[in-house]
N, C-alpha and C. Protein backbone atom coordinates (compact mmCIF):
# COMPACT_ATOMS: atom_id res chain seq x y z
N MET A 1 13.45 40.71 -96.27
CA MET A 1 13.21 42.09 -95.82
C MET A 1 14.54 42.83 -95.66
N GLY A 2 14.54 44.11 -96.06
CA GLY A 2 15.74 44.92 -95.92
C GLY A 2 15.90 45.43 -94.50
N LYS A 3 16.69 46.46 -94.34
CA LYS A 3 17.05 46.95 -93.01
C LYS A 3 17.46 48.41 -93.11
N LEU A 4 17.33 49.14 -91.99
CA LEU A 4 17.80 50.52 -91.93
C LEU A 4 18.96 50.61 -90.94
N TYR A 5 20.08 51.11 -91.42
CA TYR A 5 21.22 51.42 -90.55
C TYR A 5 21.28 52.93 -90.36
N LEU A 6 21.47 53.38 -89.13
CA LEU A 6 21.76 54.78 -88.83
C LEU A 6 23.25 54.86 -88.55
N VAL A 7 23.96 55.61 -89.39
CA VAL A 7 25.42 55.59 -89.34
C VAL A 7 25.99 56.96 -88.97
N PRO A 8 26.62 57.09 -87.80
CA PRO A 8 27.24 58.36 -87.44
C PRO A 8 28.44 58.66 -88.34
N THR A 9 28.65 59.93 -88.64
CA THR A 9 29.82 60.36 -89.41
C THR A 9 30.56 61.44 -88.63
N PRO A 10 31.85 61.68 -88.94
CA PRO A 10 32.65 62.62 -88.16
C PRO A 10 32.04 64.02 -88.10
N ILE A 11 32.23 64.68 -86.95
CA ILE A 11 31.73 66.05 -86.80
C ILE A 11 32.81 67.08 -87.16
N GLY A 12 33.93 66.60 -87.65
CA GLY A 12 34.99 67.53 -88.04
C GLY A 12 36.28 66.82 -88.40
N ASN A 13 36.65 65.85 -87.57
CA ASN A 13 37.91 65.13 -87.78
C ASN A 13 37.63 63.79 -88.45
N LEU A 14 38.11 63.61 -89.68
CA LEU A 14 37.83 62.39 -90.44
C LEU A 14 38.38 61.13 -89.77
N ASP A 15 39.36 61.31 -88.88
CA ASP A 15 39.92 60.15 -88.18
C ASP A 15 38.91 59.52 -87.21
N ASP A 16 37.80 60.22 -86.95
CA ASP A 16 36.78 59.69 -86.05
C ASP A 16 35.81 58.74 -86.76
N MET A 17 35.97 58.56 -88.05
CA MET A 17 35.14 57.60 -88.79
C MET A 17 35.52 56.19 -88.35
N THR A 18 34.53 55.37 -88.01
CA THR A 18 34.84 54.03 -87.52
C THR A 18 34.95 53.03 -88.68
N LEU A 19 35.69 51.97 -88.44
CA LEU A 19 35.84 50.92 -89.44
C LEU A 19 34.49 50.27 -89.75
N ARG A 20 33.67 50.12 -88.74
CA ARG A 20 32.36 49.50 -88.93
C ARG A 20 31.45 50.40 -89.77
N ALA A 21 31.53 51.72 -89.54
CA ALA A 21 30.72 52.64 -90.33
C ALA A 21 31.08 52.54 -91.81
N ILE A 22 32.36 52.47 -92.10
CA ILE A 22 32.82 52.33 -93.49
C ILE A 22 32.29 51.04 -94.10
N LYS A 23 32.36 49.94 -93.33
CA LYS A 23 31.90 48.63 -93.81
C LYS A 23 30.41 48.66 -94.12
N VAL A 24 29.61 49.23 -93.21
CA VAL A 24 28.17 49.28 -93.42
C VAL A 24 27.82 50.15 -94.63
N LEU A 25 28.49 51.28 -94.78
CA LEU A 25 28.21 52.16 -95.91
C LEU A 25 28.59 51.50 -97.24
N LYS A 26 29.62 50.69 -97.23
CA LYS A 26 30.03 49.99 -98.46
C LYS A 26 29.06 48.87 -98.81
N GLU A 27 28.50 48.21 -97.79
CA GLU A 27 27.66 47.04 -98.03
C GLU A 27 26.18 47.37 -98.23
N ALA A 28 25.75 48.58 -97.84
CA ALA A 28 24.34 48.97 -98.02
C ALA A 28 24.01 49.09 -99.50
N ASP A 29 22.73 48.95 -99.83
CA ASP A 29 22.29 49.11 -101.22
C ASP A 29 22.27 50.59 -101.61
N VAL A 30 21.84 51.44 -100.67
CA VAL A 30 21.73 52.88 -100.93
C VAL A 30 22.11 53.63 -99.65
N VAL A 31 22.81 54.75 -99.81
CA VAL A 31 23.09 55.64 -98.68
C VAL A 31 22.15 56.84 -98.77
N LEU A 32 21.36 57.05 -97.73
CA LEU A 32 20.48 58.21 -97.64
C LEU A 32 21.26 59.33 -96.98
N ALA A 33 21.37 60.48 -97.64
CA ALA A 33 22.22 61.55 -97.15
C ALA A 33 21.46 62.87 -97.04
N GLU A 34 21.74 63.60 -95.98
CA GLU A 34 21.12 64.91 -95.76
C GLU A 34 21.50 65.88 -96.88
N ASP A 35 22.78 65.88 -97.26
CA ASP A 35 23.28 66.70 -98.36
C ASP A 35 24.22 65.83 -99.19
N THR A 36 23.80 65.48 -100.38
CA THR A 36 24.59 64.54 -101.19
C THR A 36 25.95 65.11 -101.58
N ARG A 37 26.07 66.43 -101.68
CA ARG A 37 27.36 67.02 -102.02
C ARG A 37 28.35 66.85 -100.87
N THR A 38 27.89 67.16 -99.64
CA THR A 38 28.75 67.00 -98.46
C THR A 38 29.11 65.54 -98.25
N SER A 39 28.11 64.67 -98.31
CA SER A 39 28.33 63.25 -98.06
C SER A 39 29.12 62.61 -99.20
N GLY A 40 28.97 63.13 -100.41
CA GLY A 40 29.72 62.60 -101.55
C GLY A 40 31.22 62.73 -101.33
N LYS A 41 31.64 63.84 -100.75
CA LYS A 41 33.06 64.04 -100.46
C LYS A 41 33.54 63.05 -99.40
N LEU A 42 32.70 62.81 -98.39
CA LEU A 42 33.06 61.86 -97.33
C LEU A 42 33.20 60.46 -97.90
N LEU A 43 32.22 60.05 -98.70
CA LEU A 43 32.27 58.70 -99.27
C LEU A 43 33.45 58.54 -100.21
N LYS A 44 33.75 59.56 -100.98
CA LYS A 44 34.90 59.50 -101.89
C LYS A 44 36.19 59.34 -101.11
N HIS A 45 36.31 60.06 -99.98
CA HIS A 45 37.53 59.98 -99.16
C HIS A 45 37.78 58.56 -98.67
N PHE A 46 36.70 57.85 -98.33
CA PHE A 46 36.85 56.49 -97.81
C PHE A 46 36.60 55.43 -98.88
N GLU A 47 36.61 55.85 -100.15
CA GLU A 47 36.47 54.95 -101.29
C GLU A 47 35.21 54.10 -101.19
N ILE A 48 34.11 54.76 -100.86
CA ILE A 48 32.80 54.11 -100.76
C ILE A 48 32.01 54.49 -102.02
N ASN A 49 31.59 53.50 -102.78
CA ASN A 49 30.95 53.75 -104.08
C ASN A 49 29.45 53.47 -104.08
N THR A 50 28.86 53.33 -102.90
CA THR A 50 27.43 53.05 -102.79
C THR A 50 26.61 54.23 -103.33
N PRO A 51 25.54 53.96 -104.07
CA PRO A 51 24.69 55.06 -104.59
C PRO A 51 24.14 55.95 -103.47
N LEU A 52 24.10 57.24 -103.75
CA LEU A 52 23.60 58.23 -102.79
C LEU A 52 22.19 58.67 -103.18
N GLN A 53 21.36 58.87 -102.16
CA GLN A 53 20.01 59.42 -102.38
C GLN A 53 19.75 60.52 -101.35
N SER A 54 19.22 61.64 -101.79
CA SER A 54 18.95 62.77 -100.90
C SER A 54 17.80 62.46 -99.95
N HIS A 55 18.01 62.76 -98.66
CA HIS A 55 16.97 62.55 -97.65
C HIS A 55 17.17 63.61 -96.57
N HIS A 56 16.34 64.65 -96.60
CA HIS A 56 16.53 65.77 -95.68
C HIS A 56 15.18 66.25 -95.15
N MET A 57 15.20 67.27 -94.31
CA MET A 57 14.00 67.71 -93.61
C MET A 57 12.90 68.22 -94.56
N HIS A 58 13.29 68.60 -95.77
CA HIS A 58 12.31 69.15 -96.71
C HIS A 58 11.64 68.08 -97.58
N ASN A 59 12.22 66.87 -97.61
CA ASN A 59 11.59 65.84 -98.44
C ASN A 59 11.32 64.53 -97.70
N GLU A 60 11.73 64.43 -96.42
CA GLU A 60 11.62 63.16 -95.73
C GLU A 60 10.17 62.69 -95.58
N HIS A 61 9.24 63.63 -95.35
CA HIS A 61 7.84 63.25 -95.19
C HIS A 61 7.31 62.54 -96.45
N LYS A 62 7.70 63.04 -97.61
CA LYS A 62 7.22 62.48 -98.87
C LYS A 62 7.86 61.13 -99.19
N GLN A 63 9.04 60.87 -98.64
CA GLN A 63 9.79 59.67 -99.00
C GLN A 63 9.49 58.45 -98.13
N ILE A 64 8.94 58.68 -96.94
CA ILE A 64 8.82 57.61 -95.96
C ILE A 64 8.15 56.35 -96.52
N ASP A 65 6.96 56.49 -97.09
CA ASP A 65 6.21 55.32 -97.56
C ASP A 65 6.99 54.55 -98.63
N GLY A 66 7.61 55.28 -99.53
CA GLY A 66 8.38 54.63 -100.60
C GLY A 66 9.58 53.88 -100.07
N LEU A 67 10.28 54.48 -99.11
CA LEU A 67 11.46 53.84 -98.52
C LEU A 67 11.07 52.59 -97.74
N VAL A 68 9.98 52.69 -96.99
CA VAL A 68 9.50 51.54 -96.23
C VAL A 68 9.15 50.39 -97.18
N GLN A 69 8.47 50.70 -98.28
CA GLN A 69 8.11 49.66 -99.25
C GLN A 69 9.36 49.01 -99.84
N LYS A 70 10.36 49.83 -100.17
CA LYS A 70 11.61 49.30 -100.72
C LYS A 70 12.29 48.35 -99.72
N MET A 71 12.27 48.72 -98.43
CA MET A 71 12.89 47.86 -97.42
C MET A 71 12.10 46.56 -97.26
N LYS A 72 10.78 46.63 -97.38
CA LYS A 72 9.97 45.42 -97.33
C LYS A 72 10.31 44.49 -98.49
N GLU A 73 10.76 45.09 -99.60
CA GLU A 73 11.11 44.30 -100.79
C GLU A 73 12.56 43.84 -100.77
N GLY A 74 13.31 44.27 -99.71
CA GLY A 74 14.67 43.75 -99.56
C GLY A 74 15.81 44.75 -99.62
N THR A 75 15.51 46.02 -99.84
CA THR A 75 16.57 47.04 -99.93
C THR A 75 17.08 47.41 -98.53
N THR A 76 18.39 47.49 -98.40
CA THR A 76 19.01 47.94 -97.15
C THR A 76 19.55 49.35 -97.33
N TYR A 77 19.11 50.25 -96.45
CA TYR A 77 19.53 51.64 -96.50
C TYR A 77 20.46 51.96 -95.34
N ALA A 78 21.43 52.84 -95.60
CA ALA A 78 22.27 53.40 -94.54
C ALA A 78 22.01 54.90 -94.53
N LEU A 79 21.53 55.41 -93.41
CA LEU A 79 21.19 56.83 -93.30
C LEU A 79 22.31 57.59 -92.59
N ILE A 80 22.77 58.67 -93.22
CA ILE A 80 23.78 59.53 -92.61
C ILE A 80 23.30 60.97 -92.66
N SER A 81 23.83 61.79 -91.74
CA SER A 81 23.57 63.22 -91.78
C SER A 81 24.86 63.91 -92.21
N ASP A 82 24.83 65.23 -92.27
CA ASP A 82 26.04 65.96 -92.68
C ASP A 82 27.19 65.72 -91.70
N ALA A 83 26.86 65.55 -90.42
CA ALA A 83 27.87 65.31 -89.40
C ALA A 83 27.19 64.79 -88.15
N GLY A 84 27.83 63.84 -87.48
CA GLY A 84 27.28 63.33 -86.23
C GLY A 84 26.31 62.18 -86.44
N THR A 85 25.48 61.94 -85.44
CA THR A 85 24.55 60.81 -85.45
C THR A 85 23.20 61.23 -86.01
N PRO A 86 22.68 60.51 -87.01
CA PRO A 86 21.37 60.84 -87.57
C PRO A 86 20.29 60.87 -86.50
N ALA A 87 19.30 61.72 -86.72
CA ALA A 87 18.12 61.87 -85.85
C ALA A 87 18.39 62.70 -84.59
N ILE A 88 19.64 63.07 -84.32
CA ILE A 88 19.94 63.96 -83.21
C ILE A 88 20.00 65.38 -83.78
N SER A 89 18.89 66.10 -83.70
CA SER A 89 18.74 67.43 -84.32
C SER A 89 19.02 67.37 -85.83
N ASP A 90 18.73 66.23 -86.43
CA ASP A 90 18.91 66.00 -87.86
C ASP A 90 17.84 65.01 -88.33
N PRO A 91 17.64 64.87 -89.65
CA PRO A 91 16.67 63.90 -90.15
C PRO A 91 16.99 62.49 -89.68
N GLY A 92 15.95 61.68 -89.51
CA GLY A 92 16.16 60.29 -89.11
C GLY A 92 15.05 59.74 -88.26
N PHE A 93 14.46 60.58 -87.42
CA PHE A 93 13.42 60.09 -86.51
C PHE A 93 12.21 59.54 -87.26
N LEU A 94 11.71 60.28 -88.25
CA LEU A 94 10.49 59.87 -88.94
C LEU A 94 10.67 58.52 -89.63
N LEU A 95 11.80 58.33 -90.29
CA LEU A 95 12.05 57.07 -90.98
C LEU A 95 12.23 55.93 -89.99
N THR A 96 12.94 56.20 -88.90
CA THR A 96 13.13 55.18 -87.87
C THR A 96 11.78 54.75 -87.29
N ARG A 97 10.93 55.71 -86.97
CA ARG A 97 9.61 55.40 -86.42
C ARG A 97 8.79 54.56 -87.39
N ALA A 98 8.85 54.93 -88.67
CA ALA A 98 8.10 54.18 -89.68
C ALA A 98 8.60 52.74 -89.79
N CYS A 99 9.91 52.56 -89.69
CA CYS A 99 10.47 51.21 -89.74
C CYS A 99 10.00 50.38 -88.54
N VAL A 100 10.03 50.98 -87.36
CA VAL A 100 9.59 50.28 -86.16
C VAL A 100 8.12 49.89 -86.28
N GLU A 101 7.31 50.80 -86.79
CA GLU A 101 5.87 50.52 -86.95
C GLU A 101 5.60 49.42 -87.96
N ASN A 102 6.54 49.22 -88.90
CA ASN A 102 6.37 48.21 -89.94
C ASN A 102 7.24 46.97 -89.71
N ASP A 103 7.76 46.84 -88.49
CA ASP A 103 8.57 45.67 -88.12
C ASP A 103 9.79 45.48 -89.01
N ILE A 104 10.36 46.60 -89.45
CA ILE A 104 11.61 46.56 -90.21
C ILE A 104 12.76 46.79 -89.24
N GLU A 105 13.80 45.98 -89.35
CA GLU A 105 14.91 46.06 -88.40
C GLU A 105 15.66 47.39 -88.55
N VAL A 106 15.96 48.00 -87.41
CA VAL A 106 16.73 49.24 -87.37
C VAL A 106 17.95 49.03 -86.49
N GLU A 107 19.10 49.47 -86.96
CA GLU A 107 20.32 49.36 -86.16
C GLU A 107 21.09 50.68 -86.23
N CYS A 108 21.35 51.26 -85.07
CA CYS A 108 22.14 52.50 -85.00
C CYS A 108 23.54 52.18 -84.53
N LEU A 109 24.52 52.54 -85.33
CA LEU A 109 25.91 52.33 -84.94
C LEU A 109 26.34 53.38 -83.92
N PRO A 110 27.20 53.02 -82.97
CA PRO A 110 27.76 54.04 -82.07
C PRO A 110 28.78 54.88 -82.83
N GLY A 111 28.92 56.13 -82.40
CA GLY A 111 29.89 56.97 -83.09
C GLY A 111 29.77 58.43 -82.71
N ALA A 112 30.26 59.29 -83.58
CA ALA A 112 30.38 60.71 -83.29
C ALA A 112 29.05 61.39 -83.06
N THR A 113 29.01 62.23 -82.05
CA THR A 113 27.90 63.14 -81.82
C THR A 113 28.43 64.30 -80.99
N ALA A 114 28.05 65.52 -81.31
CA ALA A 114 28.71 66.69 -80.74
C ALA A 114 28.46 66.89 -79.25
N PHE A 115 27.25 66.54 -78.78
CA PHE A 115 26.92 66.95 -77.42
C PHE A 115 27.65 66.15 -76.34
N VAL A 116 28.05 64.92 -76.63
CA VAL A 116 28.71 64.11 -75.59
C VAL A 116 30.07 64.69 -75.19
N PRO A 117 31.00 64.94 -76.12
CA PRO A 117 32.27 65.54 -75.70
C PRO A 117 32.10 66.93 -75.08
N ALA A 118 31.12 67.71 -75.57
CA ALA A 118 30.88 69.03 -75.00
C ALA A 118 30.41 68.92 -73.55
N LEU A 119 29.54 67.96 -73.29
CA LEU A 119 29.04 67.74 -71.93
C LEU A 119 30.16 67.31 -71.00
N VAL A 120 30.96 66.36 -71.45
CA VAL A 120 32.06 65.86 -70.62
C VAL A 120 33.12 66.94 -70.40
N ASN A 121 33.41 67.72 -71.46
CA ASN A 121 34.40 68.80 -71.36
C ASN A 121 33.98 69.91 -70.41
N SER A 122 32.68 70.08 -70.24
CA SER A 122 32.17 71.24 -69.52
C SER A 122 32.57 71.27 -68.05
N GLY A 123 32.77 70.10 -67.46
CA GLY A 123 33.05 70.04 -66.03
C GLY A 123 31.79 70.16 -65.18
N LEU A 124 30.64 70.25 -65.83
CA LEU A 124 29.36 70.32 -65.11
C LEU A 124 28.83 68.90 -64.87
N PRO A 125 27.97 68.72 -63.88
CA PRO A 125 27.50 67.37 -63.56
C PRO A 125 26.88 66.68 -64.78
N ASN A 126 27.32 65.45 -65.05
CA ASN A 126 26.78 64.74 -66.21
C ASN A 126 26.16 63.40 -65.85
N ASP A 127 25.93 63.20 -64.53
CA ASP A 127 25.25 61.97 -64.14
C ASP A 127 23.77 62.01 -64.51
N ARG A 128 23.21 63.23 -64.57
CA ARG A 128 21.84 63.44 -65.02
C ARG A 128 21.82 64.71 -65.87
N PHE A 129 21.32 64.60 -67.08
CA PHE A 129 21.29 65.78 -67.95
C PHE A 129 20.11 65.67 -68.91
N VAL A 130 19.76 66.80 -69.53
CA VAL A 130 18.66 66.84 -70.49
C VAL A 130 19.18 67.49 -71.78
N PHE A 131 18.90 66.84 -72.91
CA PHE A 131 19.32 67.36 -74.20
C PHE A 131 18.16 68.13 -74.82
N GLU A 132 18.37 69.42 -75.07
CA GLU A 132 17.32 70.28 -75.62
C GLU A 132 17.48 70.58 -77.10
N GLY A 133 18.65 70.32 -77.66
CA GLY A 133 18.87 70.64 -79.07
C GLY A 133 18.77 72.14 -79.31
N PHE A 134 18.15 72.53 -80.42
CA PHE A 134 17.98 73.95 -80.73
C PHE A 134 16.72 74.48 -80.06
N LEU A 135 16.84 75.62 -79.42
CA LEU A 135 15.67 76.27 -78.85
C LEU A 135 14.75 76.78 -79.96
N PRO A 136 13.45 76.92 -79.69
CA PRO A 136 12.57 77.55 -80.68
C PRO A 136 13.09 78.95 -81.01
N ILE A 137 13.00 79.33 -82.28
CA ILE A 137 13.54 80.63 -82.68
C ILE A 137 12.65 81.77 -82.18
N LYS A 138 11.34 81.64 -82.36
CA LYS A 138 10.42 82.69 -81.92
C LYS A 138 9.28 82.09 -81.10
N LYS A 139 8.34 81.45 -81.79
CA LYS A 139 7.16 80.91 -81.12
C LYS A 139 7.54 79.82 -80.12
N GLY A 140 7.16 80.03 -78.87
CA GLY A 140 7.43 79.04 -77.85
C GLY A 140 8.76 79.19 -77.14
N ARG A 141 9.59 80.13 -77.58
CA ARG A 141 10.91 80.29 -76.99
C ARG A 141 10.83 80.73 -75.53
N GLN A 142 10.05 81.77 -75.26
CA GLN A 142 9.93 82.29 -73.90
C GLN A 142 9.35 81.23 -72.96
N THR A 143 8.34 80.52 -73.44
CA THR A 143 7.72 79.46 -72.63
C THR A 143 8.75 78.39 -72.28
N ARG A 144 9.54 78.00 -73.27
CA ARG A 144 10.56 76.97 -73.04
C ARG A 144 11.61 77.45 -72.03
N LEU A 145 12.05 78.69 -72.16
CA LEU A 145 13.06 79.23 -71.25
C LEU A 145 12.53 79.31 -69.82
N LEU A 146 11.27 79.69 -69.68
CA LEU A 146 10.67 79.76 -68.34
C LEU A 146 10.60 78.37 -67.72
N GLU A 147 10.29 77.36 -68.51
CA GLU A 147 10.26 75.99 -68.01
C GLU A 147 11.66 75.52 -67.60
N LEU A 148 12.63 75.81 -68.46
CA LEU A 148 13.99 75.35 -68.21
C LEU A 148 14.66 76.08 -67.06
N ALA A 149 14.17 77.25 -66.72
CA ALA A 149 14.74 78.00 -65.59
C ALA A 149 14.60 77.21 -64.29
N GLU A 150 13.64 76.28 -64.24
CA GLU A 150 13.42 75.45 -63.05
C GLU A 150 14.08 74.08 -63.14
N GLU A 151 14.69 73.78 -64.30
CA GLU A 151 15.32 72.48 -64.50
C GLU A 151 16.54 72.31 -63.60
N THR A 152 16.60 71.21 -62.87
CA THR A 152 17.72 70.99 -61.93
C THR A 152 18.85 70.18 -62.56
N ARG A 153 18.57 69.53 -63.69
CA ARG A 153 19.62 68.76 -64.36
C ARG A 153 20.45 69.66 -65.29
N THR A 154 21.64 69.23 -65.60
CA THR A 154 22.46 69.93 -66.58
C THR A 154 21.74 69.91 -67.93
N MET A 155 21.79 71.02 -68.64
CA MET A 155 21.09 71.15 -69.93
C MET A 155 22.07 71.32 -71.07
N VAL A 156 21.75 70.70 -72.20
CA VAL A 156 22.63 70.76 -73.37
C VAL A 156 21.84 71.32 -74.56
N PHE A 157 22.44 72.31 -75.22
CA PHE A 157 21.78 72.97 -76.36
C PHE A 157 22.72 72.99 -77.56
N TYR A 158 22.15 73.00 -78.75
CA TYR A 158 22.89 73.31 -79.97
C TYR A 158 22.56 74.75 -80.36
N GLU A 159 23.54 75.45 -80.93
CA GLU A 159 23.29 76.81 -81.40
C GLU A 159 24.21 77.17 -82.55
N SER A 160 23.73 78.05 -83.42
CA SER A 160 24.54 78.54 -84.54
C SER A 160 25.29 79.79 -84.09
N PRO A 161 26.41 80.11 -84.75
CA PRO A 161 27.24 81.25 -84.31
C PRO A 161 26.50 82.58 -84.27
N HIS A 162 25.65 82.84 -85.28
CA HIS A 162 25.00 84.16 -85.34
C HIS A 162 23.86 84.32 -84.33
N LYS A 163 23.50 83.23 -83.65
CA LYS A 163 22.43 83.33 -82.64
C LYS A 163 22.96 83.14 -81.22
N LEU A 164 24.27 82.91 -81.09
CA LEU A 164 24.83 82.60 -79.78
C LEU A 164 24.63 83.73 -78.77
N LEU A 165 24.93 84.97 -79.16
CA LEU A 165 24.84 86.09 -78.22
C LEU A 165 23.40 86.28 -77.72
N LYS A 166 22.45 86.13 -78.63
CA LYS A 166 21.04 86.24 -78.25
C LYS A 166 20.68 85.16 -77.23
N THR A 167 21.13 83.94 -77.48
CA THR A 167 20.81 82.83 -76.58
C THR A 167 21.48 82.99 -75.23
N LEU A 168 22.74 83.40 -75.22
CA LEU A 168 23.43 83.60 -73.94
C LEU A 168 22.79 84.75 -73.15
N THR A 169 22.34 85.78 -73.85
CA THR A 169 21.65 86.89 -73.20
C THR A 169 20.37 86.39 -72.53
N HIS A 170 19.65 85.54 -73.23
CA HIS A 170 18.42 84.98 -72.67
C HIS A 170 18.72 84.07 -71.47
N PHE A 171 19.82 83.31 -71.55
CA PHE A 171 20.18 82.45 -70.42
C PHE A 171 20.48 83.29 -69.18
N ALA A 172 21.23 84.37 -69.37
CA ALA A 172 21.53 85.25 -68.24
C ALA A 172 20.25 85.88 -67.68
N GLU A 173 19.33 86.21 -68.57
CA GLU A 173 18.08 86.85 -68.17
C GLU A 173 17.14 85.89 -67.45
N TYR A 174 16.97 84.69 -67.99
CA TYR A 174 15.99 83.74 -67.46
C TYR A 174 16.58 82.81 -66.38
N PHE A 175 17.86 82.46 -66.51
CA PHE A 175 18.47 81.51 -65.57
C PHE A 175 19.29 82.21 -64.49
N GLY A 176 19.67 83.46 -64.73
CA GLY A 176 20.51 84.21 -63.81
C GLY A 176 21.91 84.39 -64.36
N GLU A 177 22.49 85.56 -64.11
CA GLU A 177 23.82 85.87 -64.65
C GLU A 177 24.91 84.97 -64.09
N ASP A 178 24.68 84.38 -62.92
CA ASP A 178 25.70 83.56 -62.29
C ASP A 178 25.57 82.07 -62.62
N ARG A 179 24.61 81.72 -63.45
CA ARG A 179 24.43 80.31 -63.81
C ARG A 179 25.66 79.81 -64.58
N PRO A 180 26.24 78.67 -64.18
CA PRO A 180 27.42 78.16 -64.89
C PRO A 180 27.10 77.73 -66.32
N VAL A 181 27.97 78.14 -67.24
CA VAL A 181 27.78 77.86 -68.67
C VAL A 181 29.11 77.43 -69.28
N SER A 182 29.04 76.50 -70.21
CA SER A 182 30.20 76.08 -70.98
C SER A 182 29.82 76.05 -72.46
N VAL A 183 30.62 76.69 -73.29
CA VAL A 183 30.37 76.70 -74.74
C VAL A 183 31.55 76.05 -75.45
N SER A 184 31.25 75.00 -76.20
CA SER A 184 32.28 74.32 -76.99
C SER A 184 32.02 74.58 -78.47
N ARG A 185 33.09 74.90 -79.18
CA ARG A 185 32.95 75.16 -80.62
C ARG A 185 34.04 74.41 -81.39
N GLU A 186 33.75 74.14 -82.65
CA GLU A 186 34.70 73.48 -83.54
C GLU A 186 35.22 72.17 -82.94
N LEU A 187 34.37 71.42 -82.29
CA LEU A 187 34.77 70.17 -81.65
C LEU A 187 35.44 69.22 -82.65
N THR A 188 36.54 68.63 -82.22
CA THR A 188 37.39 67.68 -82.95
C THR A 188 38.22 68.33 -84.06
N LYS A 189 38.06 69.64 -84.26
CA LYS A 189 38.79 70.33 -85.32
C LYS A 189 40.03 71.03 -84.76
N LEU A 190 40.80 71.61 -85.65
CA LEU A 190 42.08 72.23 -85.29
C LEU A 190 41.91 73.33 -84.25
N TYR A 191 40.86 74.15 -84.38
CA TYR A 191 40.67 75.29 -83.49
C TYR A 191 39.59 75.03 -82.43
N GLU A 192 39.50 73.78 -82.00
CA GLU A 192 38.53 73.43 -80.94
C GLU A 192 38.76 74.30 -79.71
N GLU A 193 37.65 74.75 -79.13
CA GLU A 193 37.74 75.64 -77.96
C GLU A 193 36.54 75.41 -77.05
N THR A 194 36.78 75.42 -75.74
CA THR A 194 35.70 75.38 -74.77
C THR A 194 35.87 76.56 -73.81
N VAL A 195 34.84 77.38 -73.70
CA VAL A 195 34.86 78.56 -72.83
C VAL A 195 33.90 78.30 -71.67
N ARG A 196 34.40 78.40 -70.45
CA ARG A 196 33.59 78.12 -69.27
C ARG A 196 33.53 79.36 -68.38
N GLY A 197 32.42 79.49 -67.66
CA GLY A 197 32.26 80.61 -66.73
C GLY A 197 30.80 80.78 -66.39
N THR A 198 30.47 81.94 -65.84
CA THR A 198 29.06 82.25 -65.60
C THR A 198 28.42 82.68 -66.92
N ALA A 199 27.10 82.74 -66.93
CA ALA A 199 26.41 83.17 -68.15
C ALA A 199 26.89 84.55 -68.60
N SER A 200 27.07 85.46 -67.66
CA SER A 200 27.49 86.82 -68.01
C SER A 200 28.95 86.83 -68.49
N GLU A 201 29.81 86.01 -67.89
CA GLU A 201 31.23 85.96 -68.29
C GLU A 201 31.38 85.38 -69.70
N VAL A 202 30.65 84.32 -69.98
CA VAL A 202 30.74 83.70 -71.30
C VAL A 202 30.14 84.62 -72.36
N LEU A 203 29.07 85.33 -72.00
CA LEU A 203 28.48 86.30 -72.92
C LEU A 203 29.48 87.41 -73.24
N GLU A 204 30.16 87.89 -72.23
CA GLU A 204 31.16 88.95 -72.43
C GLU A 204 32.28 88.46 -73.34
N HIS A 205 32.73 87.22 -73.13
CA HIS A 205 33.81 86.65 -73.95
C HIS A 205 33.44 86.63 -75.43
N PHE A 206 32.25 86.14 -75.74
CA PHE A 206 31.87 86.01 -77.15
C PHE A 206 31.37 87.32 -77.74
N THR A 207 31.05 88.29 -76.89
CA THR A 207 30.75 89.64 -77.40
C THR A 207 32.04 90.26 -77.92
N ASP A 208 33.15 90.02 -77.21
CA ASP A 208 34.45 90.54 -77.63
C ASP A 208 35.07 89.72 -78.76
N LYS A 209 34.78 88.41 -78.77
CA LYS A 209 35.35 87.51 -79.77
C LYS A 209 34.22 86.73 -80.45
N PRO A 210 33.62 87.29 -81.51
CA PRO A 210 32.50 86.63 -82.19
C PRO A 210 32.86 85.19 -82.57
N PRO A 211 31.98 84.25 -82.29
CA PRO A 211 32.30 82.83 -82.52
C PRO A 211 32.19 82.43 -83.98
N LYS A 212 32.91 81.37 -84.32
CA LYS A 212 32.81 80.74 -85.62
C LYS A 212 32.60 79.24 -85.40
N GLY A 213 31.95 78.61 -86.32
CA GLY A 213 31.76 77.17 -86.23
C GLY A 213 30.54 76.79 -85.40
N GLU A 214 30.16 75.52 -85.53
CA GLU A 214 29.00 75.02 -84.80
C GLU A 214 29.27 74.98 -83.30
N LEU A 215 28.23 75.19 -82.50
CA LEU A 215 28.40 75.37 -81.06
C LEU A 215 27.51 74.43 -80.25
N VAL A 216 28.04 74.00 -79.11
CA VAL A 216 27.25 73.27 -78.12
C VAL A 216 27.34 74.05 -76.81
N ILE A 217 26.18 74.36 -76.23
CA ILE A 217 26.12 75.09 -74.96
C ILE A 217 25.68 74.13 -73.87
N VAL A 218 26.42 74.09 -72.78
CA VAL A 218 26.06 73.26 -71.63
C VAL A 218 25.80 74.20 -70.46
N VAL A 219 24.65 74.05 -69.82
CA VAL A 219 24.24 74.95 -68.74
C VAL A 219 23.94 74.16 -67.47
N GLY A 220 24.49 74.61 -66.36
CA GLY A 220 24.23 73.96 -65.09
C GLY A 220 22.76 74.09 -64.70
N GLY A 221 22.23 73.10 -64.01
CA GLY A 221 20.83 73.14 -63.57
C GLY A 221 20.64 74.06 -62.38
N LYS A 222 19.38 74.33 -62.07
CA LYS A 222 19.05 75.18 -60.93
C LYS A 222 19.38 74.46 -59.63
N LYS A 223 19.97 75.20 -58.70
CA LYS A 223 20.31 74.61 -57.40
C LYS A 223 19.32 75.08 -56.33
């Protein structure tokens, strides 16, 4: 029987690639990649010649049964996303669940993921926290915000640059303008930045200085 490896990849700084991740990617039969062009560059940099196969949110449902059958026949797959740990706001959950249901071994390597350094950098309590990922864009957004307004644990969100101001405006509206917020962008890269303050202060900052790069928002819980 084959096996599924979930392999984290750097979120910006290639020096964060682990020796074990390189070894697993070299030894796997096939690397499943969210974007083969992006991952192809990564594999080339580390001289990894394992065949690449596309596996993303638009085709993962159709591929599950075939991949499971291949693993039952002995194929070992290594799943990577464009950056960070697979299945964390990226493809990976469906295949992992299918493997578990079919008694196929799954192993996730430790490694890069954006929300952990953002949470630690924030200075907000991290003994108890909740990871929310991306908020619903339209349907269910208001309901989710109303629920989270009562959350007492620190909350962690992912957001894209062009939606940041809208999200911060909603946080100030639903959670209160004085709610502590920390926004980290370009983590591990040359222009890494973390902006901390109240919801209204952080909103004002990014209104004056439009953000670039992927973002992690950390919000203090209700007191």
